[in-house]
C-alpha atoms as a PDB file:
ATOM      1  CA  UNK A   1     -52.517-132.793 -23.890  1.00  0.00           C
ATOM      2  CA  UNK A   2     -52.111-131.315 -27.328  1.00  0.00           C
ATOM      3  CA  UNK A   3     -53.376-127.724 -27.119  1.00  0.00           C
ATOM      4  CA  UNK A   4     -54.714-126.514 -30.451  1.00  0.00           C
ATOM      5  CA  UNK A   5     -54.481-122.809 -31.204  1.00  0.00           C
ATOM      6  CA  UNK A   6     -51.482-121.810 -29.081  1.00  0.00           C
ATOM      7  CA  UNK A   7     -51.346-118.683 -31.231  1.00  0.00           C
ATOM      8  CA  UNK A   8     -54.827-117.778 -30.027  1.00  0.00           C
ATOM      9  CA  UNK A   9     -53.600-117.903 -26.420  1.00  0.00           C
ATOM     10  CA  UNK A  10     -50.601-115.743 -27.332  1.00  0.00           C
ATOM     11  CA  UNK A  11     -52.909-113.231 -29.033  1.00  0.00           C
ATOM     12  CA  UNK A  12     -55.208-113.164 -26.000  1.00  0.00           C
ATOM     13  CA  UNK A  13     -52.173-112.538 -23.794  1.00  0.00           C
ATOM     14  CA  UNK A  14     -51.190-109.574 -25.950  1.00  0.00           C
ATOM     15  CA  UNK A  15     -54.693-108.115 -25.800  1.00  0.00           C
ATOM     16  CA  UNK A  16     -55.037-108.698 -22.050  1.00  0.00           C
ATOM     17  CA  UNK A  17     -51.525-108.168 -20.709  1.00  0.00           C
ATOM     18  CA  UNK A  18     -52.575-108.657 -17.096  1.00  0.00           C
ATOM     19  CA  UNK A  19     -53.666-112.219 -17.940  1.00  0.00           C
ATOM     20  CA  UNK A  20     -50.637-113.211 -20.040  1.00  0.00           C
ATOM     21  CA  UNK A  21     -48.688-114.804 -17.193  1.00  0.00           C
ATOM     22  CA  UNK A  22     -51.580-116.978 -16.084  1.00  0.00           C
ATOM     23  CA  UNK A  23     -52.403-117.983 -19.662  1.00  0.00           C
ATOM     24  CA  UNK A  24     -48.772-119.052 -20.091  1.00  0.00           C
ATOM     25  CA  UNK A  25     -48.906-121.074 -16.858  1.00  0.00           C
ATOM     26  CA  UNK A  26     -52.203-122.696 -17.895  1.00  0.00           C
ATOM     27  CA  UNK A  27     -50.714-123.646 -21.286  1.00  0.00           C
ATOM     28  CA  UNK A  28     -47.556-125.104 -19.724  1.00  0.00           C
ATOM     29  CA  UNK A  29     -49.638-127.184 -17.309  1.00  0.00           C
ATOM     30  CA  UNK A  30     -52.108-128.287 -19.981  1.00  0.00           C
ATOM     31  CA  UNK A  31     -49.455-129.580 -22.398  1.00  0.00           C
ATOM     32  CA  UNK A  32     -47.960-131.696 -19.599  1.00  0.00           C
ATOM     33  CA  UNK A  33     -51.321-133.045 -18.412  1.00  0.00           C
ATOM     34  CA  UNK A  34     -53.014-136.322 -19.322  1.00  0.00           C
ATOM     35  CA  UNK A  35     -56.644-135.602 -18.603  1.00  0.00           C
ATOM     36  CA  UNK A  36     -58.763-138.731 -18.959  1.00  0.00           C
ATOM     37  CA  UNK A  37     -61.985-137.147 -17.735  1.00  0.00           C
ATOM     38  CA  UNK A  38     -63.465-134.119 -15.993  1.00  0.00           C
ATOM     39  CA  UNK A  39     -62.305-135.259 -12.560  1.00  0.00           C
ATOM     40  CA  UNK A  40     -58.658-134.966 -13.617  1.00  0.00           C
ATOM     41  CA  UNK A  41     -59.269-131.313 -14.439  1.00  0.00           C
ATOM     42  CA  UNK A  42     -61.318-130.694 -11.298  1.00  0.00           C
ATOM     43  CA  UNK A  43     -58.531-132.184  -9.143  1.00  0.00           C
ATOM     44  CA  UNK A  44     -56.128-129.482 -10.401  1.00  0.00           C
ATOM     45  CA  UNK A  45     -58.550-126.634 -11.132  1.00  0.00           C
ATOM     46  CA  UNK A  46     -61.245-126.733  -8.454  1.00  0.00           C
ATOM     47  CA  UNK A  47     -63.020-123.680  -9.874  1.00  0.00           C
ATOM     48  CA  UNK A  48     -63.288-125.073 -13.424  1.00  0.00           C
ATOM     49  CA  UNK A  49     -66.819-125.339 -14.765  1.00  0.00           C
ATOM     50  CA  UNK A  50     -68.038-128.050 -17.104  1.00  0.00           C
ATOM     51  CA  UNK A  51     -70.559-127.422 -19.856  1.00  0.00           C
ATOM     52  CA  UNK A  52     -72.114-129.799 -22.371  1.00  0.00           C
ATOM     53  CA  UNK A  53     -70.003-131.581 -25.017  1.00  0.00           C
ATOM     54  CA  UNK A  54     -66.788-131.536 -22.958  1.00  0.00           C
ATOM     55  CA  UNK A  55     -66.531-127.754 -22.894  1.00  0.00           C
ATOM     56  CA  UNK A  56     -64.574-126.555 -19.869  1.00  0.00           C
ATOM     57  CA  UNK A  57     -64.391-123.020 -18.473  1.00  0.00           C
ATOM     58  CA  UNK A  58     -61.260-122.013 -16.556  1.00  0.00           C
ATOM     59  CA  UNK A  59     -61.034-118.901 -14.374  1.00  0.00           C
ATOM     60  CA  UNK A  60     -58.001-116.772 -15.169  1.00  0.00           C
ATOM     61  CA  UNK A  61     -56.811-114.041 -12.756  1.00  0.00           C
ATOM     62  CA  UNK A  62     -59.313-115.086 -10.151  1.00  0.00           C
ATOM     63  CA  UNK A  63     -62.629-114.627 -11.864  1.00  0.00           C
ATOM     64  CA  UNK A  64     -61.646-111.623 -13.966  1.00  0.00           C
ATOM     65  CA  UNK A  65     -61.280-113.656 -17.174  1.00  0.00           C
ATOM     66  CA  UNK A  66     -62.642-116.912 -18.549  1.00  0.00           C
ATOM     67  CA  UNK A  67     -60.845-119.346 -20.828  1.00  0.00           C
ATOM     68  CA  UNK A  68     -63.193-121.691 -22.664  1.00  0.00           C
ATOM     69  CA  UNK A  69     -61.847-124.896 -24.214  1.00  0.00           C
ATOM     70  CA  UNK A  70     -63.206-128.127 -25.621  1.00  0.00           C
ATOM     71  CA  UNK A  71     -61.470-131.263 -24.403  1.00  0.00           C
ATOM     72  CA  UNK A  72     -61.275-134.501 -26.373  1.00  0.00           C
ATOM     73  CA  UNK A  73     -60.125-136.826 -23.600  1.00  0.00           C
ATOM     74  CA  UNK A  74     -59.593-139.946 -25.693  1.00  0.00           C
ATOM     75  CA  UNK A  75     -57.437-138.211 -28.308  1.00  0.00           C
ATOM     76  CA  UNK A  76     -55.756-135.950 -25.698  1.00  0.00           C
ATOM     77  CA  UNK A  77     -56.602-132.723 -27.548  1.00  0.00           C
ATOM     78  CA  UNK A  78     -57.672-129.373 -26.087  1.00  0.00           C
ATOM     79  CA  UNK A  79     -59.200-126.851 -28.482  1.00  0.00           C
ATOM     80  CA  UNK A  80     -59.046-123.218 -27.354  1.00  0.00           C
ATOM     81  CA  UNK A  81     -62.479-121.761 -28.113  1.00  0.00           C
ATOM     82  CA  UNK A  82     -62.692-118.363 -26.445  1.00  0.00           C
ATOM     83  CA  UNK A  83     -61.121-116.009 -23.904  1.00  0.00           C
ATOM     84  CA  UNK A  84     -62.491-112.816 -22.410  1.00  0.00           C
ATOM     85  CA  UNK A  85     -63.670-110.960 -19.369  1.00  0.00           C
ATOM     86  CA  UNK A  86     -66.251-112.324 -16.985  1.00  0.00           C
ATOM     87  CA  UNK A  87     -68.753-109.736 -18.268  1.00  0.00           C
ATOM     88  CA  UNK A  88     -68.103-110.744 -21.901  1.00  0.00           C
ATOM     89  CA  UNK A  89     -68.464-114.415 -20.954  1.00  0.00           C
ATOM     90  CA  UNK A  90     -71.932-113.754 -19.558  1.00  0.00           C
ATOM     91  CA  UNK A  91     -73.019-112.646 -23.063  1.00  0.00           C
ATOM     92  CA  UNK A  92     -71.693-115.785 -24.803  1.00  0.00           C
ATOM     93  CA  UNK A  93     -73.479-119.019 -25.625  1.00  0.00           C
ATOM     94  CA  UNK A  94     -71.446-122.184 -25.777  1.00  0.00           C
END
């Protein structure tokens, strides 16, 4: 997958140092993946949640943080949309 906004992930890792390692692992796995549909993601990330319009929510550091991305399966692109704490996520609308 082509992950758009790598810099955003790096910035999130700087702001939330305790999540940096897991964000780096997620990025490394995502760029090597070939997700063709939600099931491919669910097979690797059982706790991932799927919203409308191919928006996927990944749990980072257990359920402490949420990483929200939009996946374009056909073009193999992942757009990083948002990252924050579980409490901050509850205030968002996607």
